[in-house]
Amino acid sequence: MQGERIRVTGSVQGVGFRPTVWRLANDHELVGQVWNDAEGVLIQVWGSSQSLEGFVHALQAEQPPLSRIDKIVRLTLDEQLAIPADFQIAVSQKGKVSTNVIPDAATCPECLAEVMDPSNRRYRYPFTNCTHCGPRMSIVRKIPYDRMNTSMVSFPMCPQCLNEYQEPNNRRFHAQPNACHDCGPQVWLEDVNGVRLKSSNDCDTIETAARLIRQGKIVAIKGIGGIHLACDAGNSDAVNTLRHRKQRYHKALALMASDINMVQRYAKVSDSESALLSDNTAPIVVLDKSGEELPVEIAPGQNSLGFMLPYTPLHHLLMQNMLRPIVLTSGNRSNEPQIINNQTAHESLDHIVDYFLLHDRDIVSRLDDSVLRMIADQPRFLRLARGYAPRSLKLADDFSDTESILAMGGELKNTFCLLNKGRVILSQHMGDLENVTTYQDYQQNLKRYLQLFDFMPTLIVVDKHPNYLSTQYGQLLAVEKNIPLLEVQHHHAHIAGCMAEHRLPLKHSKVLGITLDGAGFGEDETIWGGNFFWPLIKTMSA
């Protein structure tokens, strides 16, 4: 019998990876243990050479749906170590964080079936989840991803949920948001005065909210990453009222449909677009209009619509009896960040909505809905947020020794980026920093990411434009922490980002980069509208 220490890195926490390891180890008659730590998952295992090889192969072939293995490193264990009698799942260990945080995932088919099953104890429970689905980034406060480090710490599990949580064969083994009607978060419906509408159970509450929407009312709905504003998308008066109250007069409004069939009534949906809509990331997908007409006020002057499907049990239950789509747009004043707090919702939205459908699980990280469009049969991001953020991307191999870099992002449609050891972590979309509440949200998110990933930059990168708030904040951090600062020309950053996304190496052969991005601070300290980058000639401004 031989022993190995197997290090697995990537997106391997909070996805049911340890119980998969436990199951496969027992299938291959191995002994040892597995645990989470700050780097990912660590396995100590003993068995025959053939069994070990089969185990590692199965680990890659049968990994959980939400996991992503980046690397497996195998080392021979010291022969003097005591060999355990069985295989166990050990407690998490702390350390220098280098693992990924999993984005929030849409309700899996198994959980949805339970929610819709009258004989199941989670029948119509709006916060049903397992290791294959549910909230992740929106509730986690720090790594390791354990319940005590999430906003679910406020909800002690009942005996039944605790048994599921502790049973390795159960798909809810160590599902940190695991809960039920008896022990988990609760939902309620109230008016603008904070008076709760009486109902006997959550079923009545959500159906009452749906009925109010069908009657033309505007309802604020608290979801995973923030609060949305909902109304009947087929009711012109309701849509116009929402636009007027929110002071959002021109931008297209996002829609939620109950299923693909409902989407197809109003838009063309290719196979790839259908797959993207149904993906566990559940983004808004921009589609060409086709078929039945919705009020022109949904997307004035446009020939496309942005649709998404229900991605939590609450949304599935809400849409269950809807005969047409609903508008589901960010719950905020125009140009401000999406609201995540119940009290703030009343303070900011009382003049916009008629009712509030709220719950008592805290949202730790604000996450807008991601927006994508299929171009050349490939999904392209228009906004990266819920379901994708924080997004981890591996760069070309020659970036592996790169120092820890914090890139502060631009002024408009801001995101920031952490780079360490050849991997970048992209934050969620935050919006335009010229708005004071968006800028505050930007600062809070940056502090959260630095803490969450235990990240200490050795270099801070900012846009050359001296008036960008992200640039000024980067300059302030550089002084406070005594960290070198690098200024980068706006359009050059776009080209470099494009090259990095396509994993071009640092010493790649020449490329021609064309950026027509709008205003950017140029090398001559004037505003340039765009650039042509070519390594052998001087950069030309447009």
Protein backbone atom coordinates (compact mmCIF):
# COMPACT_ATOMS: atom_id res chain seq x y z
CA MET A 1 0.00 0.00 0.00
CA GLN A 2 1.30 3.46 -0.91
CA GLY A 3 0.23 6.92 0.20
CA GLU A 4 -0.17 10.20 -1.63
CA ARG A 5 -0.89 13.79 -0.71
CA ILE A 6 -3.08 15.23 -3.47
CA ARG A 7 -3.54 18.99 -3.73
CA VAL A 8 -6.55 20.12 -5.79
CA THR A 9 -6.87 23.82 -6.67
CA GLY A 10 -9.56 25.73 -8.53
CA SER A 11 -13.26 26.22 -7.78
CA VAL A 12 -13.53 23.33 -5.34
CA GLN A 13 -15.14 24.71 -2.18
CA GLY A 14 -18.86 25.00 -1.57
CA VAL A 15 -19.69 22.70 -4.50
CA GLY A 16 -19.84 19.25 -2.91
CA PHE A 17 -16.25 18.41 -3.76
CA ARG A 18 -15.31 16.75 -0.46
CA PRO A 19 -18.26 14.31 -0.47
CA THR A 20 -17.38 13.45 -4.07
CA VAL A 21 -13.83 12.69 -2.92
CA TRP A 22 -15.23 10.61 -0.05
CA ARG A 23 -17.49 8.63 -2.38
CA LEU A 24 -14.77 7.99 -4.97
CA ALA A 25 -12.24 7.03 -2.31
CA ASN A 26 -14.64 4.43 -0.95
CA ASP A 27 -15.45 3.23 -4.48
CA HIS A 28 -11.71 2.61 -5.06
CA GLU A 29 -11.18 1.05 -1.59
CA LEU A 30 -8.87 3.80 -0.37
CA VAL A 31 -8.32 5.11 3.17
CA GLY A 32 -7.30 8.57 4.35
CA GLN A 33 -8.96 11.94 4.69
CA VAL A 34 -9.89 15.11 2.80
CA TRP A 35 -10.29 18.69 4.01
CA ASN A 36 -10.74 22.27 2.81
CA ASP A 37 -8.04 24.83 3.45
CA ALA A 38 -7.19 28.29 2.16
CA GLU A 39 -5.58 26.88 -1.00
CA GLY A 40 -8.41 24.57 -2.03
CA VAL A 41 -8.83 20.88 -1.18
CA LEU A 42 -6.14 18.61 0.28
CA ILE A 43 -6.37 14.82 0.19
CA GLN A 44 -4.21 12.29 2.06
CA VAL A 45 -4.93 8.84 0.73
CA TRP A 46 -3.52 5.29 0.84
CA GLY A 47 -4.18 2.36 -1.44
CA SER A 48 -2.78 0.29 -4.28
CA SER A 49 -1.08 2.03 -7.19
CA GLN A 50 -3.90 0.98 -9.51
CA SER A 51 -6.58 2.24 -7.12
CA LEU A 52 -4.85 5.61 -6.72
CA GLU A 53 -4.64 6.07 -10.48
CA GLY A 54 -8.29 5.16 -10.90
CA PHE A 55 -9.25 7.52 -8.08
CA VAL A 56 -7.47 10.55 -9.59
CA HIS A 57 -8.92 9.80 -13.03
CA ALA A 58 -12.45 9.52 -11.59
CA LEU A 59 -11.95 12.73 -9.61
CA GLN A 60 -11.50 14.66 -12.84
CA ALA A 61 -14.23 12.82 -14.75
CA GLU A 62 -16.91 12.92 -12.03
CA GLN A 63 -16.34 16.26 -10.35
CA PRO A 64 -19.47 18.14 -9.13
CA PRO A 65 -21.39 20.36 -11.59
CA LEU A 66 -20.25 23.68 -10.11
CA SER A 67 -16.61 22.74 -9.57
CA ARG A 68 -13.67 23.50 -11.79
CA ILE A 69 -10.31 21.81 -11.23
CA ASP A 70 -7.37 23.98 -12.27
CA LYS A 71 -4.55 21.76 -11.08
CA ILE A 72 -3.90 18.46 -9.32
CA VAL A 73 -0.49 17.99 -7.67
CA ARG A 74 0.44 14.53 -6.34
CA LEU A 75 3.23 13.90 -3.84
CA THR A 76 4.31 10.64 -2.19
CA LEU A 77 3.60 10.49 1.54
CA ASP A 78 6.20 9.63 4.17
CA GLU A 79 6.11 5.88 4.83
CA GLN A 80 6.33 6.56 8.57
CA LEU A 81 2.86 8.14 8.68
CA ALA A 82 0.16 6.09 10.38
CA ILE A 83 -2.36 4.67 7.90
CA PRO A 84 -5.98 5.25 8.98
CA ALA A 85 -8.59 2.50 8.98
CA ASP A 86 -11.11 4.28 6.72
CA PHE A 87 -11.66 7.45 4.71
CA GLN A 88 -13.01 10.55 6.48
CA ILE A 89 -13.87 14.17 5.80
CA ALA A 90 -11.88 16.38 8.16
CA VAL A 91 -12.60 19.90 9.39
CA SER A 92 -11.49 22.92 7.35
CA GLN A 93 -8.11 24.49 8.03
CA LYS A 94 -7.06 28.12 7.76
CA GLY A 95 -4.10 29.69 5.99
CA LYS A 96 -3.05 32.05 3.21
CA VAL A 97 -6.04 32.21 0.85
CA SER A 98 -5.48 31.17 -2.75
CA THR A 99 -8.68 29.29 -3.55
CA ASN A 100 -11.64 30.59 -5.56
CA VAL A 101 -15.02 31.78 -4.33
CA ILE A 102 -17.92 30.19 -6.20
CA PRO A 103 -20.47 32.47 -7.89
CA ASP A 104 -24.16 32.11 -7.04
CA ALA A 105 -25.86 29.32 -8.98
CA ALA A 106 -29.41 28.89 -10.23
CA THR A 107 -31.71 26.31 -8.66
CA CYS A 108 -30.79 22.79 -9.77
CA PRO A 109 -33.42 20.38 -11.16
CA GLU A 110 -33.36 18.21 -8.02
CA CYS A 111 -34.10 21.12 -5.68
CA LEU A 112 -36.77 22.52 -8.01
CA ALA A 113 -38.50 19.13 -8.07
CA GLU A 114 -38.59 19.14 -4.27
CA VAL A 115 -40.02 22.67 -4.17
CA MET A 116 -42.83 21.62 -6.51
CA ASP A 117 -43.56 18.29 -4.76
CA PRO A 118 -46.48 18.54 -2.24
CA SER A 119 -45.19 15.46 -0.42
CA ASN A 120 -41.70 16.93 0.15
CA ARG A 121 -40.87 18.77 3.36
CA ARG A 122 -39.43 21.63 1.30
CA TYR A 123 -42.59 22.04 -0.76
CA ARG A 124 -42.77 25.68 -1.87
CA TYR A 125 -39.86 26.67 0.38
CA PRO A 126 -38.30 29.68 -1.43
CA PHE A 127 -34.74 29.17 -0.13
CA THR A 128 -34.23 25.51 -1.02
CA ASN A 129 -30.69 24.71 -2.18
CA CYS A 130 -27.96 22.07 -2.12
CA THR A 131 -24.25 21.78 -2.99
CA HIS A 132 -25.19 22.01 -6.68
CA CYS A 133 -27.04 25.33 -6.46
CA GLY A 134 -27.98 28.36 -4.42
CA PRO A 135 -26.27 31.46 -3.00
CA ARG A 136 -22.49 31.57 -2.70
CA MET A 137 -20.68 34.88 -3.33
CA SER A 138 -23.69 36.89 -2.21
CA ILE A 139 -23.59 35.43 1.33
CA VAL A 140 -19.91 34.66 2.03
CA ARG A 141 -17.88 36.92 4.31
CA LYS A 142 -14.54 35.11 4.31
CA ILE A 143 -12.72 31.92 3.37
CA PRO A 144 -12.94 28.99 4.10
CA TYR A 145 -16.50 28.82 2.76
CA ASP A 146 -18.14 27.42 5.89
CA ARG A 147 -21.55 28.32 7.31
CA MET A 148 -20.04 30.32 10.16
CA ASN A 149 -18.41 32.58 7.56
CA THR A 150 -21.67 33.33 5.72
CA SER A 151 -24.87 35.25 6.46
CA MET A 152 -26.51 31.85 7.11
CA VAL A 153 -24.81 31.78 10.52
CA SER A 154 -27.97 33.47 11.85
CA PHE A 155 -30.05 30.37 11.06
CA PRO A 156 -29.12 27.29 13.15
CA MET A 157 -30.13 24.11 11.33
CA CYS A 158 -32.99 21.98 12.60
CA PRO A 159 -32.25 18.27 13.31
CA GLN A 160 -33.40 17.14 9.86
CA CYS A 161 -31.28 19.71 8.02
CA LEU A 162 -28.32 18.99 10.28
CA ASN A 163 -28.56 15.26 9.47
CA GLU A 164 -28.46 16.10 5.76
CA TYR A 165 -25.52 18.43 6.32
CA GLN A 166 -23.54 15.76 8.16
CA GLU A 167 -24.25 12.81 5.85
CA PRO A 168 -21.58 12.43 3.11
CA ASN A 169 -23.98 10.48 0.89
CA ASN A 170 -26.48 13.35 0.91
CA ARG A 171 -26.23 16.03 -1.79
CA ARG A 172 -26.67 18.60 1.00
CA PHE A 173 -23.56 17.42 2.81
CA HIS A 174 -21.86 20.66 3.89
CA ALA A 175 -24.23 22.75 1.77
CA GLN A 176 -23.63 25.91 3.76
CA PRO A 177 -26.98 27.63 2.97
CA ASN A 178 -28.94 24.43 3.75
CA ALA A 179 -32.30 25.25 5.32
CA CYS A 180 -36.02 24.48 5.37
CA HIS A 181 -39.33 25.99 6.46
CA ASP A 182 -38.56 25.22 10.12
CA CYS A 183 -35.07 26.68 10.49
CA GLY A 184 -34.18 28.86 7.50
CA PRO A 185 -34.84 32.35 6.18
CA GLN A 186 -38.44 33.44 5.83
CA VAL A 187 -40.23 35.61 3.29
CA TRP A 188 -43.02 38.08 3.87
CA LEU A 189 -45.07 40.69 2.00
CA GLU A 190 -45.65 44.22 3.30
CA ASP A 191 -46.99 47.54 2.09
CA VAL A 192 -45.10 50.83 1.86
CA ASN A 193 -45.95 51.55 5.50
CA GLY A 194 -44.21 48.37 6.63
CA VAL A 195 -47.47 46.63 7.52
CA ARG A 196 -47.23 42.93 6.75
CA LEU A 197 -50.01 41.32 4.79
CA LYS A 198 -51.46 38.38 6.66
CA SER A 199 -50.80 34.94 5.24
CA SER A 200 -50.73 31.46 6.67
CA ASN A 201 -47.54 30.32 4.92
CA ASP A 202 -44.93 31.26 2.31
CA CYS A 203 -47.08 29.77 -0.44
CA ASP A 204 -49.79 32.37 0.17
CA THR A 205 -47.23 35.16 0.49
CA ILE A 206 -45.57 34.57 -2.88
CA GLU A 207 -48.82 33.89 -4.72
CA THR A 208 -50.28 37.07 -3.23
CA ALA A 209 -47.29 39.01 -4.59
CA ALA A 210 -47.84 37.41 -8.01
CA ARG A 211 -51.52 38.32 -7.92
CA LEU A 212 -50.65 41.94 -7.11
CA ILE A 213 -48.30 42.06 -10.10
CA ARG A 214 -51.03 40.64 -12.34
CA GLN A 215 -53.30 43.42 -11.05
CA GLY A 216 -50.87 46.09 -12.27
CA LYS A 217 -49.03 46.79 -9.01
CA ILE A 218 -45.27 47.34 -8.68
CA VAL A 219 -43.60 45.00 -6.18
CA ALA A 220 -40.05 45.19 -4.83
CA ILE A 221 -38.62 41.65 -4.59
CA LYS A 222 -35.52 40.75 -2.57
CA GLY A 223 -33.53 38.06 -4.35
CA ILE A 224 -29.98 36.67 -4.07
CA GLY A 225 -27.83 39.65 -5.00
CA GLY A 226 -30.20 42.54 -4.45
CA ILE A 227 -33.72 43.90 -4.63
CA HIS A 228 -35.59 44.10 -7.95
CA LEU A 229 -38.63 46.04 -9.09
CA ALA A 230 -41.30 43.87 -10.72
CA CYS A 231 -44.43 44.60 -12.73
CA ASP A 232 -46.50 42.96 -15.46
CA ALA A 233 -44.50 43.36 -18.69
CA GLY A 234 -47.69 43.19 -20.74
CA ASN A 235 -49.33 46.08 -18.90
CA SER A 236 -48.35 49.39 -20.55
CA ASP A 237 -49.71 51.45 -17.68
CA ALA A 238 -47.69 49.50 -15.11
CA VAL A 239 -44.49 49.74 -17.18
CA ASN A 240 -44.95 53.48 -17.73
CA THR A 241 -45.67 54.02 -14.04
CA LEU A 242 -42.49 52.16 -13.14
CA ARG A 243 -40.43 54.22 -15.57
CA HIS A 244 -41.92 57.50 -14.31
CA ARG A 245 -41.47 56.67 -10.63
CA LYS A 246 -37.93 55.36 -11.10
CA GLN A 247 -37.05 58.21 -13.50
CA ARG A 248 -35.67 55.72 -15.99
CA TYR A 249 -37.13 56.92 -19.24
CA HIS A 250 -35.14 55.31 -22.03
CA LYS A 251 -32.96 52.34 -21.05
CA ALA A 252 -34.37 48.89 -21.81
CA LEU A 253 -35.93 46.95 -18.93
CA ALA A 254 -34.98 43.35 -18.17
CA LEU A 255 -37.65 40.66 -18.37
CA MET A 256 -38.19 37.35 -16.58
CA ALA A 257 -40.18 34.56 -18.21
CA SER A 258 -41.40 31.37 -16.58
CA ASP A 259 -39.67 29.11 -19.13
CA ILE A 260 -38.15 28.93 -22.62
CA ASN A 261 -41.57 28.50 -24.22
CA MET A 262 -42.70 31.83 -22.83
CA VAL A 263 -39.52 33.52 -24.09
CA GLN A 264 -40.10 32.10 -27.58
CA ARG A 265 -43.47 33.83 -27.75
CA TYR A 266 -41.70 37.19 -27.88
CA ALA A 267 -38.16 36.56 -29.20
CA LYS A 268 -36.06 34.36 -31.46
CA VAL A 269 -34.17 31.79 -29.42
CA SER A 270 -31.43 29.67 -30.97
CA ASP A 271 -30.21 26.44 -29.42
CA SER A 272 -27.14 28.18 -28.01
CA GLU A 273 -29.23 31.03 -26.61
CA SER A 274 -31.63 28.53 -25.05
CA ALA A 275 -28.69 26.72 -23.43
CA LEU A 276 -27.34 30.01 -22.07
CA LEU A 277 -30.72 31.02 -20.64
CA SER A 278 -31.00 27.61 -18.94
CA ASP A 279 -27.41 27.57 -17.66
CA ASN A 280 -26.76 27.53 -13.90
CA THR A 281 -25.43 31.09 -14.27
CA ALA A 282 -28.94 32.23 -15.36
CA PRO A 283 -27.95 35.52 -17.03
CA ILE A 284 -30.04 38.04 -18.88
CA VAL A 285 -29.65 37.15 -22.56
CA VAL A 286 -30.27 39.81 -25.21
CA LEU A 287 -32.48 38.35 -27.95
CA ASP A 288 -33.97 39.62 -31.21
CA LYS A 289 -37.68 40.38 -31.04
CA SER A 290 -40.06 38.00 -32.79
CA GLY A 291 -43.68 36.91 -32.47
CA GLU A 292 -46.06 38.54 -30.00
CA GLU A 293 -45.56 42.21 -29.16
CA LEU A 294 -44.86 43.55 -25.71
CA PRO A 295 -45.42 47.24 -24.92
CA VAL A 296 -42.89 49.42 -26.74
CA GLU A 297 -42.05 50.99 -23.39
CA ILE A 298 -40.10 47.84 -22.43
CA ALA A 299 -37.24 48.67 -24.83
CA PRO A 300 -37.91 51.96 -26.64
CA GLY A 301 -36.36 52.19 -30.09
CA GLN A 302 -34.77 48.73 -29.90
CA ASN A 303 -35.37 45.50 -31.81
CA SER A 304 -34.15 43.29 -28.98
CA LEU A 305 -35.29 42.21 -25.52
CA GLY A 306 -33.31 41.07 -22.49
CA PHE A 307 -34.78 37.87 -21.00
CA MET A 308 -33.83 35.71 -18.04
CA LEU A 309 -35.40 32.66 -16.45
CA PRO A 310 -36.16 32.08 -12.74
CA TYR A 311 -32.96 31.32 -10.85
CA THR A 312 -34.17 30.85 -7.26
CA PRO A 313 -37.11 28.88 -5.86
CA LEU A 314 -38.74 32.19 -4.95
CA HIS A 315 -38.66 33.30 -8.59
CA HIS A 316 -39.93 29.91 -9.79
CA LEU A 317 -42.86 30.13 -7.37
CA LEU A 318 -43.58 33.73 -8.35
CA MET A 319 -43.64 32.89 -12.06
CA GLN A 320 -45.62 29.68 -11.63
CA ASN A 321 -48.98 31.31 -12.35
CA MET A 322 -47.84 34.14 -14.60
CA LEU A 323 -49.32 34.03 -18.09
CA ARG A 324 -46.78 36.49 -19.51
CA PRO A 325 -43.35 37.88 -18.55
CA ILE A 326 -42.67 40.36 -15.79
CA VAL A 327 -40.32 43.31 -15.79
CA LEU A 328 -37.54 42.59 -13.28
CA THR A 329 -35.21 45.57 -13.07
CA SER A 330 -32.75 46.70 -10.42
CA GLY A 331 -34.34 48.05 -7.26
CA ASN A 332 -32.74 51.47 -7.00
CA ARG A 333 -33.09 55.09 -7.88
CA SER A 334 -31.85 55.79 -11.39
CA ASN A 335 -28.02 55.57 -11.66
CA GLU A 336 -27.61 54.36 -8.06
CA PRO A 337 -26.49 50.87 -6.92
CA GLN A 338 -29.06 48.13 -6.46
CA ILE A 339 -30.43 48.10 -2.91
CA ILE A 340 -29.70 45.05 -0.74
CA ASN A 341 -31.00 46.08 2.69
CA ASN A 342 -34.63 45.87 3.85
CA GLN A 343 -34.61 49.19 5.69
CA THR A 344 -32.86 51.02 2.85
CA ALA A 345 -35.43 49.57 0.46
CA HIS A 346 -38.18 51.43 2.30
CA GLU A 347 -36.15 54.61 2.55
CA SER A 348 -35.40 54.67 -1.19
CA LEU A 349 -38.25 52.82 -2.88
CA ASP A 350 -41.43 53.77 -1.00
CA HIS A 351 -42.27 56.32 -3.72
CA ILE A 352 -41.65 53.77 -6.51
CA VAL A 353 -43.32 50.53 -5.40
CA ASP A 354 -46.68 49.52 -3.99
CA TYR A 355 -45.51 46.45 -2.02
CA PHE A 356 -42.35 44.73 -0.79
CA LEU A 357 -41.64 40.98 -0.94
CA LEU A 358 -38.73 40.69 1.50
CA HIS A 359 -36.79 38.07 3.44
CA ASP A 360 -34.44 38.01 6.44
CA ARG A 361 -31.25 36.55 4.93
CA ASP A 362 -28.62 39.27 4.68
CA ILE A 363 -27.02 39.97 1.30
CA VAL A 364 -23.29 40.39 1.92
CA SER A 365 -22.23 41.24 -1.65
CA ARG A 366 -24.40 43.24 -4.05
CA LEU A 367 -24.63 41.47 -7.43
CA ASP A 368 -26.59 42.79 -10.40
CA ASP A 369 -27.84 40.35 -13.03
CA SER A 370 -25.23 39.43 -15.63
CA VAL A 371 -26.05 40.41 -19.22
CA LEU A 372 -24.79 38.46 -22.25
CA ARG A 373 -25.42 38.27 -25.96
CA MET A 374 -24.56 35.45 -28.36
CA ILE A 375 -22.23 36.77 -31.09
CA ALA A 376 -20.85 34.34 -33.70
CA ASP A 377 -22.44 31.61 -31.56
CA GLN A 378 -20.26 32.57 -28.58
CA PRO A 379 -21.52 34.21 -25.36
CA ARG A 380 -20.17 37.75 -24.96
CA PHE A 381 -20.41 39.74 -21.73
CA LEU A 382 -22.22 43.05 -21.66
CA ARG A 383 -22.21 43.00 -17.85
CA LEU A 384 -20.41 40.51 -15.60
CA ALA A 385 -22.10 40.04 -12.25
CA ARG A 386 -24.35 37.42 -10.58
CA GLY A 387 -23.62 33.87 -11.66
CA TYR A 388 -20.13 34.73 -12.92
CA ALA A 389 -18.51 37.01 -10.35
CA PRO A 390 -15.99 36.70 -8.93
CA ARG A 391 -14.66 35.39 -12.25
CA SER A 392 -11.30 33.65 -12.16
CA LEU A 393 -9.28 33.46 -15.38
CA LYS A 394 -5.98 31.68 -15.94
CA LEU A 395 -3.47 33.64 -18.01
CA ALA A 396 -0.68 32.29 -20.21
CA ASP A 397 1.96 30.22 -18.43
CA ASP A 398 4.61 32.96 -18.50
CA PHE A 399 2.45 35.06 -16.17
CA SER A 400 2.96 32.54 -13.34
CA ASP A 401 5.70 34.60 -11.67
CA THR A 402 3.88 37.92 -12.00
CA GLU A 403 3.73 39.99 -8.82
CA SER A 404 0.45 40.65 -7.02
CA ILE A 405 -1.25 43.46 -8.94
CA LEU A 406 -4.39 45.39 -8.10
CA ALA A 407 -5.94 47.07 -11.17
CA MET A 408 -8.41 49.75 -10.10
CA GLY A 409 -10.54 49.94 -13.26
CA GLY A 410 -12.03 52.93 -15.05
CA GLU A 411 -14.58 55.59 -14.19
CA LEU A 412 -17.56 54.19 -16.11
CA LYS A 413 -19.04 50.70 -15.81
CA ASN A 414 -16.33 49.95 -13.29
CA THR A 415 -14.91 46.60 -12.35
CA PHE A 416 -11.56 46.00 -10.69
CA CYS A 417 -9.14 43.10 -10.97
CA LEU A 418 -6.71 41.14 -8.78
CA LEU A 419 -3.74 39.41 -10.43
CA ASN A 420 -1.55 36.87 -8.68
CA LYS A 421 0.56 33.95 -9.92
CA GLY A 422 -0.85 33.95 -13.42
CA ARG A 423 -4.51 34.12 -12.43
CA VAL A 424 -6.84 37.11 -12.45
CA ILE A 425 -9.98 37.59 -10.40
CA LEU A 426 -12.53 39.98 -11.91
CA SER A 427 -15.02 41.73 -9.67
CA GLN A 428 -18.68 42.19 -10.45
CA HIS A 429 -19.90 45.22 -12.39
CA MET A 430 -20.45 48.23 -10.16
CA GLY A 431 -21.41 51.05 -12.52
CA ASP A 432 -20.34 54.68 -12.91
CA LEU A 433 -18.20 55.99 -10.06
CA GLU A 434 -19.36 59.58 -10.52
CA ASN A 435 -22.40 58.61 -8.44
CA VAL A 436 -21.47 58.89 -4.76
CA THR A 437 -23.28 55.72 -3.64
CA THR A 438 -21.71 53.73 -6.49
CA TYR A 439 -18.29 55.03 -5.49
CA GLN A 440 -18.93 53.98 -1.88
CA ASP A 441 -20.03 50.55 -3.11
CA TYR A 442 -16.82 50.34 -5.16
CA GLN A 443 -14.70 51.07 -2.09
CA GLN A 444 -16.59 48.53 0.03
CA ASN A 445 -16.31 45.82 -2.60
CA LEU A 446 -12.60 46.45 -3.05
CA LYS A 447 -12.00 46.09 0.69
CA ARG A 448 -14.15 42.93 0.73
CA TYR A 449 -12.20 41.31 -2.13
CA LEU A 450 -8.84 42.16 -0.55
CA GLN A 451 -10.02 40.58 2.70
CA LEU A 452 -11.85 37.66 1.09
CA PHE A 453 -8.87 36.60 -1.00
CA ASP A 454 -6.30 37.68 1.62
CA PHE A 455 -4.73 39.77 -1.14
CA MET A 456 -1.87 42.21 -0.55
CA PRO A 457 -0.84 43.94 -3.79
CA THR A 458 2.79 44.73 -4.55
CA LEU A 459 1.74 47.05 -7.40
CA ILE A 460 -1.34 49.21 -7.98
CA VAL A 461 -2.35 50.04 -11.55
CA VAL A 462 -4.56 53.02 -12.41
CA ASP A 463 -5.86 54.82 -15.48
CA LYS A 464 -3.76 57.81 -16.58
CA HIS A 465 -6.76 60.14 -16.32
CA PRO A 466 -6.08 62.20 -13.18
CA ASN A 467 -9.75 62.96 -12.52
CA TYR A 468 -11.01 59.36 -12.44
CA LEU A 469 -12.14 58.50 -8.91
CA SER A 470 -10.69 55.00 -9.32
CA THR A 471 -7.33 56.60 -10.18
CA GLN A 472 -7.47 58.93 -7.19
CA TYR A 473 -8.42 56.09 -4.86
CA GLY A 474 -5.56 53.97 -6.23
CA GLN A 475 -3.16 56.83 -5.62
CA LEU A 476 -4.42 57.13 -2.06
CA LEU A 477 -3.99 53.39 -1.40
CA ALA A 478 -0.49 53.45 -2.89
CA VAL A 479 0.55 56.20 -0.49
CA GLU A 480 -1.18 54.64 2.53
CA LYS A 481 0.32 51.20 1.97
CA ASN A 482 3.62 52.39 0.46
CA ILE A 483 3.01 50.41 -2.74
CA PRO A 484 4.37 51.36 -6.19
CA LEU A 485 1.84 52.90 -8.59
CA LEU A 486 1.68 52.44 -12.37
CA GLU A 487 -0.39 54.65 -14.68
CA VAL A 488 -1.68 53.03 -17.89
CA GLN A 489 -3.18 54.72 -20.94
CA HIS A 490 -6.90 53.94 -21.15
CA HIS A 491 -7.04 52.33 -24.59
CA HIS A 492 -3.80 50.43 -24.06
CA ALA A 493 -5.45 48.78 -21.05
CA HIS A 494 -8.31 47.60 -23.27
CA ILE A 495 -5.94 45.97 -25.77
CA ALA A 496 -3.84 44.39 -23.01
CA GLY A 497 -7.01 43.06 -21.39
CA CYS A 498 -8.15 41.55 -24.67
CA MET A 499 -4.77 39.87 -25.16
CA ALA A 500 -4.83 38.50 -21.61
CA GLU A 501 -8.38 37.17 -22.00
CA HIS A 502 -7.24 35.18 -25.03
CA ARG A 503 -4.27 33.87 -23.04
CA LEU A 504 -1.61 35.42 -25.27
CA PRO A 505 1.82 35.11 -23.63
CA LEU A 506 3.85 38.09 -22.47
CA LYS A 507 6.30 37.57 -25.35
CA HIS A 508 3.66 37.02 -28.01
CA SER A 509 4.38 38.10 -31.56
CA LYS A 510 3.08 41.45 -32.82
CA VAL A 511 -0.60 42.27 -32.78
CA LEU A 512 -2.55 45.20 -34.19
CA GLY A 513 -4.87 46.61 -31.56
CA ILE A 514 -7.76 48.87 -32.49
CA THR A 515 -9.70 50.58 -29.71
CA LEU A 516 -12.68 52.80 -30.51
CA ASP A 517 -13.89 53.12 -26.96
CA GLY A 518 -14.70 56.80 -26.67
CA ALA A 519 -12.87 59.28 -24.47
CA GLY A 520 -9.57 58.17 -22.94
CA PHE A 521 -6.68 60.18 -21.51
CA GLY A 522 -3.89 60.08 -24.09
CA GLU A 523 -0.12 59.93 -23.82
CA ASP A 524 0.02 63.67 -24.60
CA GLU A 525 -2.45 64.41 -21.76
CA THR A 526 -5.29 65.24 -24.15
CA ILE A 527 -8.51 63.28 -24.65
CA TRP A 528 -8.30 60.63 -27.38
CA GLY A 529 -11.37 59.00 -28.92
CA GLY A 530 -9.56 55.79 -29.89
CA ASN A 531 -6.24 54.19 -30.76
CA PHE A 532 -4.46 51.99 -33.27
CA PHE A 533 -1.68 50.09 -31.47
CA TRP A 534 1.20 48.64 -33.48
CA PRO A 535 4.55 47.73 -31.93
CA LEU A 536 6.74 49.15 -34.71
CA ILE A 537 5.10 52.56 -35.14
CA LYS A 538 4.13 55.35 -32.86
CA THR A 539 0.67 55.00 -31.34
CA MET A 540 -1.81 56.96 -33.44
CA SER A 541 -4.63 58.79 -31.69
CA ALA A 542 -8.05 59.30 -33.16
